[in-house]
C-alpha atoms as a PDB file:
ATOM      1  CA  MET A   1      87.760  -7.627  26.905  1.00  0.00           C
ATOM      2  CA  PRO A   2      87.142  -9.580  30.079  1.00  0.00           C
ATOM      3  CA  ASN A   3      83.638  -9.247  31.415  1.00  0.00           C
ATOM      4  CA  THR A   4      83.348  -7.127  34.580  1.00  0.00           C
ATOM      5  CA  PRO A   5      81.409  -9.069  37.148  1.00  0.00           C
ATOM      6  CA  ARG A   6      78.048  -7.522  38.056  1.00  0.00           C
ATOM      7  CA  PRO A   7      77.831  -6.359  41.688  1.00  0.00           C
ATOM      8  CA  THR A   8      75.744  -8.487  43.904  1.00  0.00           C
ATOM      9  CA  ARG A   9      72.509  -7.208  45.370  1.00  0.00           C
ATOM     10  CA  ASN A  10      74.212  -6.629  48.723  1.00  0.00           C
ATOM     11  CA  GLU A  11      76.960  -4.651  47.011  1.00  0.00           C
ATOM     12  CA  GLN A  12      74.375  -2.592  45.129  1.00  0.00           C
ATOM     13  CA  ARG A  13      72.491  -1.817  48.362  1.00  0.00           C
ATOM     14  CA  GLU A  14      75.714  -0.837  50.100  1.00  0.00           C
ATOM     15  CA  ALA A  15      76.714   1.433  47.217  1.00  0.00           C
ATOM     16  CA  ALA A  16      73.278   3.096  47.323  1.00  0.00           C
ATOM     17  CA  ARG A  17      73.604   3.628  51.070  1.00  0.00           C
ATOM     18  CA  ALA A  18      77.068   5.161  50.606  1.00  0.00           C
ATOM     19  CA  LYS A  19      75.755   7.495  47.900  1.00  0.00           C
ATOM     20  CA  ALA A  20      72.871   8.527  50.131  1.00  0.00           C
ATOM     21  CA  ARG A  21      75.274   9.255  53.004  1.00  0.00           C
ATOM     22  CA  GLU A  22      77.410  11.436  50.709  1.00  0.00           C
ATOM     23  CA  MET A  23      74.344  13.367  49.555  1.00  0.00           C
ATOM     24  CA  ARG A  24      73.157  13.907  53.145  1.00  0.00           C
ATOM     25  CA  ILE A  25      76.606  15.144  54.155  1.00  0.00           C
ATOM     26  CA  ALA A  26      76.723  17.473  51.152  1.00  0.00           C
ATOM     27  CA  GLN A  27      73.257  18.834  51.964  1.00  0.00           C
ATOM     28  CA  LYS A  28      74.226  19.436  55.602  1.00  0.00           C
ATOM     29  CA  ARG A  29      77.363  21.281  54.528  1.00  0.00           C
ATOM     30  CA  SER A  30      75.350  23.415  52.084  1.00  0.00           C
ATOM     31  CA  ALA A  31      72.749  24.233  54.744  1.00  0.00           C
ATOM     32  CA  ALA A  32      75.502  25.150  57.206  1.00  0.00           C
ATOM     33  CA  ARG A  33      77.111  27.499  54.648  1.00  0.00           C
ATOM     34  CA  LYS A  34      73.756  29.157  53.978  1.00  0.00           C
ATOM     35  CA  ARG A  35      73.133  29.656  57.708  1.00  0.00           C
ATOM     36  CA  THR A  36      76.584  31.141  58.115  1.00  0.00           C
ATOM     37  CA  ILE A  37      76.015  33.560  55.204  1.00  0.00           C
ATOM     38  CA  LEU A  38      72.553  34.501  56.528  1.00  0.00           C
ATOM     39  CA  VAL A  39      73.825  35.178  60.039  1.00  0.00           C
ATOM     40  CA  ALA A  40      76.733  37.185  58.687  1.00  0.00           C
ATOM     41  CA  SER A  41      74.343  39.245  56.518  1.00  0.00           C
ATOM     42  CA  ILE A  42      72.040  39.943  59.464  1.00  0.00           C
ATOM     43  CA  VAL A  43      74.960  40.959  61.665  1.00  0.00           C
ATOM     44  CA  ALA A  44      76.291  43.251  58.923  1.00  0.00           C
ATOM     45  CA  ALA A  45      72.869  44.809  58.370  1.00  0.00           C
ATOM     46  CA  VAL A  46      72.350  45.399  62.098  1.00  0.00           C
ATOM     47  CA  GLY A  47      75.827  46.860  62.364  1.00  0.00           C
ATOM     48  CA  LEU A  48      75.164  49.186  59.438  1.00  0.00           C
ATOM     49  CA  ALA A  49      71.846  50.274  60.922  1.00  0.00           C
ATOM     50  CA  VAL A  50      73.397  50.975  64.312  1.00  0.00           C
ATOM     51  CA  THR A  51      76.213  52.921  62.679  1.00  0.00           C
ATOM     52  CA  SER A  52      73.702  54.932  60.674  1.00  0.00           C
ATOM     53  CA  VAL A  53      71.677  55.771  63.783  1.00  0.00           C
ATOM     54  CA  VAL A  54      74.809  56.754  65.703  1.00  0.00           C
ATOM     55  CA  LEU A  55      76.011  58.948  62.845  1.00  0.00           C
ATOM     56  CA  THR A  56      72.579  60.552  62.482  1.00  0.00           C
ATOM     57  CA  ILE A  57      72.334  61.304  66.185  1.00  0.00           C
ATOM     58  CA  GLY A  58      75.861  62.655  66.208  1.00  0.00           C
ATOM     59  CA  ASN A  59      75.154  64.815  63.186  1.00  0.00           C
ATOM     60  CA  GLU A  60      71.965  66.182  64.745  1.00  0.00           C
ATOM     61  CA  VAL A  61      73.799  66.973  67.966  1.00  0.00           C
ATOM     62  CA  ASN A  62      76.619  68.739  66.158  1.00  0.00           C
ATOM     63  CA  ASN A  63      74.419  70.294  63.472  1.00  0.00           C
ATOM     64  CA  PRO A  64      70.942  70.754  64.968  1.00  0.00           C
ATOM     65  CA  THR A  65      68.078  71.399  62.562  1.00  0.00           C
ATOM     66  CA  PRO A  66      67.338  75.123  62.694  1.00  0.00           C
ATOM     67  CA  THR A  67      63.962  76.064  64.114  1.00  0.00           C
ATOM     68  CA  VAL A  68      61.872  78.996  63.017  1.00  0.00           C
ATOM     69  CA  ALA A  69      62.103  81.603  65.759  1.00  0.00           C
ATOM     70  CA  THR A  70      59.066  83.530  66.945  1.00  0.00           C
ATOM     71  CA  PRO A  71      59.723  87.264  67.315  1.00  0.00           C
ATOM     72  CA  ALA A  72      58.885  88.995  70.544  1.00  0.00           C
ATOM     73  CA  ASN A  73      56.280  91.773  70.738  1.00  0.00           C
ATOM     74  CA  MET A  74      54.241  90.463  67.793  1.00  0.00           C
ATOM     75  CA  ILE A  75      51.567  89.492  70.290  1.00  0.00           C
ATOM     76  CA  PHE A  76      48.480  90.909  68.604  1.00  0.00           C
ATOM     77  CA  ASP A  77      47.457  88.083  66.307  1.00  0.00           C
ATOM     78  CA  GLY A  78      51.000  88.065  64.930  1.00  0.00           C
ATOM     79  CA  GLY A  79      51.221  91.846  64.592  1.00  0.00           C
ATOM     80  CA  ILE A  80      52.841  94.630  66.599  1.00  0.00           C
ATOM     81  CA  LYS A  81      50.676  97.340  68.128  1.00  0.00           C
ATOM     82  CA  ILE A  82      52.046 100.861  68.398  1.00  0.00           C
ATOM     83  CA  GLY A  83      50.514 103.272  70.903  1.00  0.00           C
ATOM     84  CA  LYS A  84      50.981 106.606  72.584  1.00  0.00           C
ATOM     85  CA  GLY A  85      54.371 108.189  71.979  1.00  0.00           C
ATOM     86  CA  LEU A  86      54.894 105.689  69.120  1.00  0.00           C
ATOM     87  CA  LYS A  87      55.873 103.125  71.738  1.00  0.00           C
ATOM     88  CA  ALA A  88      55.231  99.458  71.154  1.00  0.00           C
ATOM     89  CA  ILE A  89      52.505  98.013  73.375  1.00  0.00           C
ATOM     90  CA  THR A  90      53.725  94.841  75.062  1.00  0.00           C
ATOM     91  CA  ASP A  91      50.849  94.493  77.535  1.00  0.00           C
ATOM     92  CA  PRO A  92      47.467  93.745  75.899  1.00  0.00           C
ATOM     93  CA  THR A  93      45.650  95.665  78.639  1.00  0.00           C
ATOM     94  CA  VAL A  94      47.396  98.933  77.717  1.00  0.00           C
ATOM     95  CA  GLN A  95      45.183 101.179  75.540  1.00  0.00           C
ATOM     96  CA  ALA A  96      42.859  98.219  75.108  1.00  0.00           C
ATOM     97  CA  ASP A  97      39.869 100.554  74.615  1.00  0.00           C
ATOM     98  CA  THR A  98      41.633 102.824  72.118  1.00  0.00           C
ATOM     99  CA  PRO A  99      40.357 102.525  68.513  1.00  0.00           C
ATOM    100  CA  ASN A 100      42.812 100.231  66.777  1.00  0.00           C
ATOM    101  CA  ILE A 101      43.675 100.549  63.078  1.00  0.00           C
ATOM    102  CA  ILE A 102      44.910  97.204  61.725  1.00  0.00           C
ATOM    103  CA  VAL A 103      47.163  97.229  58.656  1.00  0.00           C
ATOM    104  CA  TYR A 104      48.389  94.221  56.711  1.00  0.00           C
ATOM    105  CA  GLU A 105      51.239  95.262  54.441  1.00  0.00           C
ATOM    106  CA  ASP A 106      53.832  93.877  52.064  1.00  0.00           C
ATOM    107  CA  LEU A 107      56.900  96.105  52.043  1.00  0.00           C
ATOM    108  CA  GLN A 108      57.377  95.407  48.316  1.00  0.00           C
ATOM    109  CA  CYS A 109      53.762  96.390  47.553  1.00  0.00           C
ATOM    110  CA  PRO A 110      53.444  99.679  45.605  1.00  0.00           C
ATOM    111  CA  ASN A 111      49.872 100.183  46.838  1.00  0.00           C
ATOM    112  CA  CYS A 112      51.110  99.890  50.426  1.00  0.00           C
ATOM    113  CA  LYS A 113      53.596 102.657  49.754  1.00  0.00           C
ATOM    114  CA  ASN A 114      50.827 104.658  48.093  1.00  0.00           C
ATOM    115  CA  PHE A 115      48.809 104.292  51.290  1.00  0.00           C
ATOM    116  CA  ASP A 116      51.628 104.874  53.747  1.00  0.00           C
ATOM    117  CA  GLN A 117      53.197 107.994  52.288  1.00  0.00           C
ATOM    118  CA  PRO A 118      50.155 110.287  52.075  1.00  0.00           C
ATOM    119  CA  ASN A 119      48.692 108.982  55.338  1.00  0.00           C
ATOM    120  CA  ASN A 120      51.862 108.609  57.403  1.00  0.00           C
ATOM    121  CA  ALA A 121      51.838 112.105  58.920  1.00  0.00           C
ATOM    122  CA  GLN A 122      48.276 111.911  60.204  1.00  0.00           C
ATOM    123  CA  MET A 123      48.737 108.319  61.380  1.00  0.00           C
ATOM    124  CA  ARG A 124      51.854 109.409  63.271  1.00  0.00           C
ATOM    125  CA  ASP A 125      49.895 112.221  64.914  1.00  0.00           C
ATOM    126  CA  TRP A 126      46.884 110.037  65.800  1.00  0.00           C
ATOM    127  CA  VAL A 127      49.006 107.261  67.310  1.00  0.00           C
ATOM    128  CA  SER A 128      51.590 109.449  69.032  1.00  0.00           C
ATOM    129  CA  SER A 129      48.858 111.474  70.759  1.00  0.00           C
ATOM    130  CA  GLY A 130      47.148 108.320  71.979  1.00  0.00           C
ATOM    131  CA  LYS A 131      43.947 108.921  70.018  1.00  0.00           C
ATOM    132  CA  TYR A 132      44.399 105.701  68.069  1.00  0.00           C
ATOM    133  CA  THR A 133      46.669 102.686  68.027  1.00  0.00           C
ATOM    134  CA  VAL A 134      47.972 101.041  64.869  1.00  0.00           C
ATOM    135  CA  GLN A 135      48.530  97.294  64.617  1.00  0.00           C
ATOM    136  CA  VAL A 136      50.927  96.402  61.816  1.00  0.00           C
ATOM    137  CA  HIS A 137      51.272  92.972  60.197  1.00  0.00           C
ATOM    138  CA  PRO A 138      54.213  92.734  57.762  1.00  0.00           C
ATOM    139  CA  ILE A 139      53.544  89.812  55.412  1.00  0.00           C
ATOM    140  CA  SER A 140      55.227  88.558  52.244  1.00  0.00           C
ATOM    141  CA  PHE A 141      53.770  87.297  48.996  1.00  0.00           C
ATOM    142  CA  LEU A 142      55.582  89.484  46.475  1.00  0.00           C
ATOM    143  CA  ASP A 143      59.047  87.917  46.398  1.00  0.00           C
ATOM    144  CA  GLY A 144      58.429  87.279  42.710  1.00  0.00           C
ATOM    145  CA  ALA A 145      58.413  91.037  42.100  1.00  0.00           C
ATOM    146  CA  SER A 146      62.073  91.237  43.130  1.00  0.00           C
ATOM    147  CA  PRO A 147      65.142  89.335  41.855  1.00  0.00           C
ATOM    148  CA  ASN A 148      66.447  88.945  45.427  1.00  0.00           C
ATOM    149  CA  ALA A 149      63.311  88.125  47.474  1.00  0.00           C
ATOM    150  CA  TYR A 150      63.086  91.646  48.856  1.00  0.00           C
ATOM    151  CA  SER A 151      59.534  91.211  50.141  1.00  0.00           C
ATOM    152  CA  SER A 152      60.309  88.463  52.657  1.00  0.00           C
ATOM    153  CA  ARG A 153      63.710  89.900  53.605  1.00  0.00           C
ATOM    154  CA  ALA A 154      62.255  93.344  54.293  1.00  0.00           C
ATOM    155  CA  ALA A 155      59.469  91.825  56.367  1.00  0.00           C
ATOM    156  CA  SER A 156      62.083  89.803  58.249  1.00  0.00           C
ATOM    157  CA  ALA A 157      63.986  93.019  58.944  1.00  0.00           C
ATOM    158  CA  ALA A 158      60.801  94.627  60.277  1.00  0.00           C
ATOM    159  CA  PHE A 159      60.265  91.622  62.548  1.00  0.00           C
ATOM    160  CA  CYS A 160      63.859  91.934  63.793  1.00  0.00           C
ATOM    161  CA  VAL A 161      63.127  95.523  64.789  1.00  0.00           C
ATOM    162  CA  ALA A 162      59.839  94.527  66.424  1.00  0.00           C
ATOM    163  CA  ASP A 163      61.706  91.858  68.372  1.00  0.00           C
ATOM    164  CA  GLY A 164      64.674  93.865  69.592  1.00  0.00           C
ATOM    165  CA  ALA A 165      63.897  97.593  69.137  1.00  0.00           C
ATOM    166  CA  PRO A 166      60.069  97.741  69.115  1.00  0.00           C
ATOM    167  CA  ASP A 167      59.821 101.443  69.929  1.00  0.00           C
ATOM    168  CA  SER A 168      61.617 102.159  66.653  1.00  0.00           C
ATOM    169  CA  PHE A 169      59.234 100.039  64.588  1.00  0.00           C
ATOM    170  CA  PHE A 170      57.058 102.897  63.339  1.00  0.00           C
ATOM    171  CA  ASP A 171      60.067 104.905  62.135  1.00  0.00           C
ATOM    172  CA  TYR A 172      61.735 101.895  60.522  1.00  0.00           C
ATOM    173  CA  ASN A 173      58.554 100.882  58.762  1.00  0.00           C
ATOM    174  CA  THR A 174      58.226 104.431  57.429  1.00  0.00           C
ATOM    175  CA  ALA A 175      61.840 104.421  56.214  1.00  0.00           C
ATOM    176  CA  LEU A 176      61.339 101.155  54.329  1.00  0.00           C
ATOM    177  CA  PHE A 177      58.381 102.566  52.405  1.00  0.00           C
ATOM    178  CA  GLU A 178      60.245 105.799  51.696  1.00  0.00           C
ATOM    179  CA  ASN A 179      63.001 103.703  50.102  1.00  0.00           C
ATOM    180  CA  GLN A 180      60.919 100.964  48.500  1.00  0.00           C
ATOM    181  CA  PRO A 181      62.564  99.537  45.355  1.00  0.00           C
ATOM    182  CA  GLU A 182      60.723  99.537  42.043  1.00  0.00           C
ATOM    183  CA  GLU A 183      58.917  96.327  41.181  1.00  0.00           C
ATOM    184  CA  GLY A 184      61.173  94.012  39.203  1.00  0.00           C
ATOM    185  CA  SER A 185      64.333  95.739  40.398  1.00  0.00           C
ATOM    186  CA  MET A 186      66.981  94.446  42.792  1.00  0.00           C
ATOM    187  CA  GLY A 187      65.943  95.323  46.350  1.00  0.00           C
ATOM    188  CA  PRO A 188      68.367  96.482  49.041  1.00  0.00           C
ATOM    189  CA  SER A 189      70.645  93.789  50.443  1.00  0.00           C
ATOM    190  CA  ASP A 190      70.372  92.606  54.040  1.00  0.00           C
ATOM    191  CA  ASN A 191      73.359  94.790  54.907  1.00  0.00           C
ATOM    192  CA  GLU A 192      71.583  97.779  53.381  1.00  0.00           C
ATOM    193  CA  LEU A 193      68.437  96.969  55.351  1.00  0.00           C
ATOM    194  CA  ALA A 194      70.610  96.926  58.468  1.00  0.00           C
ATOM    195  CA  ALA A 195      72.100 100.285  57.538  1.00  0.00           C
ATOM    196  CA  ARG A 196      68.557 101.616  57.136  1.00  0.00           C
ATOM    197  CA  ALA A 197      67.846 100.530  60.717  1.00  0.00           C
ATOM    198  CA  GLU A 198      70.920 102.380  61.924  1.00  0.00           C
ATOM    199  CA  SER A 199      69.723 105.488  60.081  1.00  0.00           C
ATOM    200  CA  VAL A 200      66.627 105.649  62.312  1.00  0.00           C
ATOM    201  CA  GLY A 201      68.687 105.289  65.476  1.00  0.00           C
ATOM    202  CA  ILE A 202      68.760 101.535  66.010  1.00  0.00           C
ATOM    203  CA  THR A 203      72.130 100.563  67.486  1.00  0.00           C
ATOM    204  CA  SER A 204      71.399  97.141  69.001  1.00  0.00           C
ATOM    205  CA  LYS A 205      73.894  94.581  67.680  1.00  0.00           C
ATOM    206  CA  LYS A 206      71.275  91.873  68.184  1.00  0.00           C
ATOM    207  CA  VAL A 207      68.857  93.681  65.869  1.00  0.00           C
ATOM    208  CA  ILE A 208      71.492  94.550  63.269  1.00  0.00           C
ATOM    209  CA  ASP A 209      72.760  90.957  63.151  1.00  0.00           C
ATOM    210  CA  CYS A 210      69.187  89.678  62.939  1.00  0.00           C
ATOM    211  CA  ILE A 211      68.555  91.882  59.903  1.00  0.00           C
ATOM    212  CA  LYS A 212      71.832  90.933  58.227  1.00  0.00           C
ATOM    213  CA  ASN A 213      71.005  87.237  58.657  1.00  0.00           C
ATOM    214  CA  ALA A 214      67.354  87.594  57.559  1.00  0.00           C
ATOM    215  CA  SER A 215      66.602  85.606  60.698  1.00  0.00           C
ATOM    216  CA  TYR A 216      62.807  85.798  60.417  1.00  0.00           C
ATOM    217  CA  GLN A 217      62.484  85.202  56.684  1.00  0.00           C
ATOM    218  CA  SER A 218      61.184  81.650  57.113  1.00  0.00           C
ATOM    219  CA  TYR A 219      58.857  82.802  59.873  1.00  0.00           C
ATOM    220  CA  VAL A 220      57.423  85.552  57.686  1.00  0.00           C
ATOM    221  CA  LEU A 221      56.688  83.166  54.806  1.00  0.00           C
ATOM    222  CA  SER A 222      55.079  80.614  57.118  1.00  0.00           C
ATOM    223  CA  TYR A 223      53.039  83.266  58.924  1.00  0.00           C
ATOM    224  CA  THR A 224      51.788  84.665  55.631  1.00  0.00           C
ATOM    225  CA  GLN A 225      50.812  81.411  53.945  1.00  0.00           C
ATOM    226  CA  ASP A 226      49.826  79.249  56.909  1.00  0.00           C
ATOM    227  CA  THR A 227      48.111  81.837  59.101  1.00  0.00           C
ATOM    228  CA  VAL A 228      47.136  85.096  57.401  1.00  0.00           C
ATOM    229  CA  PHE A 229      45.846  83.644  54.137  1.00  0.00           C
ATOM    230  CA  LYS A 230      44.143  80.623  55.716  1.00  0.00           C
ATOM    231  CA  ARG A 231      41.775  82.121  58.274  1.00  0.00           C
ATOM    232  CA  ASN A 232      39.650  85.179  58.957  1.00  0.00           C
ATOM    233  CA  ILE A 233      41.017  88.061  60.973  1.00  0.00           C
ATOM    234  CA  PRO A 234      39.942  87.210  64.534  1.00  0.00           C
ATOM    235  CA  GLY A 235      36.670  88.840  65.501  1.00  0.00           C
ATOM    236  CA  THR A 236      35.688  89.525  61.893  1.00  0.00           C
ATOM    237  CA  ASN A 237      34.435  87.744  58.792  1.00  0.00           C
ATOM    238  CA  LEU A 238      37.284  89.307  56.813  1.00  0.00           C
ATOM    239  CA  ARG A 239      40.170  87.436  55.220  1.00  0.00           C
ATOM    240  CA  VAL A 240      43.282  89.129  53.831  1.00  0.00           C
ATOM    241  CA  ASP A 241      43.353  88.825  50.051  1.00  0.00           C
ATOM    242  CA  GLY A 242      45.797  91.602  49.175  1.00  0.00           C
ATOM    243  CA  THR A 243      47.634  94.584  50.576  1.00  0.00           C
ATOM    244  CA  PRO A 244      47.189  97.095  51.987  1.00  0.00           C
ATOM    245  CA  PHE A 245      44.373  95.495  53.964  1.00  0.00           C
ATOM    246  CA  ILE A 246      43.100  98.001  56.506  1.00  0.00           C
ATOM    247  CA  VAL A 247      40.562  97.205  59.213  1.00  0.00           C
ATOM    248  CA  LEU A 248      38.928  99.205  61.992  1.00  0.00           C
ATOM    249  CA  ASN A 249      36.096  97.998  64.229  1.00  0.00           C
ATOM    250  CA  GLY A 250      35.714  94.908  62.092  1.00  0.00           C
ATOM    251  CA  GLU A 251      35.240  96.913  58.889  1.00  0.00           C
ATOM    252  CA  ARG A 252      37.585  97.041  55.922  1.00  0.00           C
ATOM    253  CA  PHE A 253      38.557 100.323  54.287  1.00  0.00           C
ATOM    254  CA  LYS A 254      37.628 100.147  50.614  1.00  0.00           C
ATOM    255  CA  GLY A 255      38.071 103.774  49.605  1.00  0.00           C
ATOM    256  CA  ASP A 256      40.892 105.660  47.925  1.00  0.00           C
ATOM    257  CA  TRP A 257      43.857 105.053  50.205  1.00  0.00           C
ATOM    258  CA  THR A 258      45.888 107.747  48.452  1.00  0.00           C
ATOM    259  CA  ASN A 259      43.451 110.399  49.730  1.00  0.00           C
ATOM    260  CA  PRO A 260      44.307 111.218  53.370  1.00  0.00           C
ATOM    261  CA  ALA A 261      41.166 113.339  53.872  1.00  0.00           C
ATOM    262  CA  LEU A 262      38.936 110.491  52.733  1.00  0.00           C
ATOM    263  CA  PHE A 263      40.803 108.014  54.907  1.00  0.00           C
ATOM    264  CA  ALA A 264      40.578 110.332  57.934  1.00  0.00           C
ATOM    265  CA  GLN A 265      36.818 110.684  57.395  1.00  0.00           C
ATOM    266  CA  TRP A 266      36.424 106.898  57.280  1.00  0.00           C
ATOM    267  CA  VAL A 267      38.539 106.438  60.440  1.00  0.00           C
ATOM    268  CA  LEU A 268      36.507 109.054  62.333  1.00  0.00           C
ATOM    269  CA  SER A 269      33.129 107.645  61.363  1.00  0.00           C
ATOM    270  CA  THR A 270      34.100 103.987  61.786  1.00  0.00           C
ATOM    271  CA  SER A 271      35.747 104.427  65.175  1.00  0.00           C
ATOM    272  CA  ALA A 272      32.565 106.094  66.454  1.00  0.00           C
ATOM    273  CA  LYS A 273      30.437 103.016  65.745  1.00  0.00           C
END
């Protein structure tokens, strides 16, 4: 084979320069592609973020997050106070000096029913005559004793009545205890709780719809766990640890709540202090 002549030094230098130019051009092209991809990625990410924000705002406008409503007339540390004529007291100055019996109750609680039924008649007489007031706090911690969360739904129904038909609260509360389901059994539905309200003369559509929708169920659960069980009853060193929890003049009743004579004796002596 004929010998291929070796390139001269000048030719070698020129070839090296040409190779270097090609490499620089290739590197510039690669860097340009990377910048283009990076910019495109940033633009896409920003676009996606903006779209997400727009969709979120639109969704929140069209489907606002529900807030937990606060019922009216529960103005006595979260409870409703019933006074003369079994009328709800909506002005804290009304009967402010009347001895006030405070009752924390769970409408699923058998002991609460055992307190309410034997003592209801005398409580009705005391409060209706104006001799005493009763401040009722429906709470809920016994949903586990019912397959359909009766405790919180019943309390919600009571709050609906307090909110929209407060003068019927005493009668509705009484009716719920008279028809309390057995522990572990299926409690009345929301529609049945609404029918119970109608049976004591409540005709307000607002109240009936509130009961049917269990509108205050979330409020009841929050009030129970975040307020009642986490601090002392104002003005006392007492904290609710079960139901019924009955207080008068800063003292808790610890006697036999199924004995109306004993309870009446305690009320008389304690209110005189």
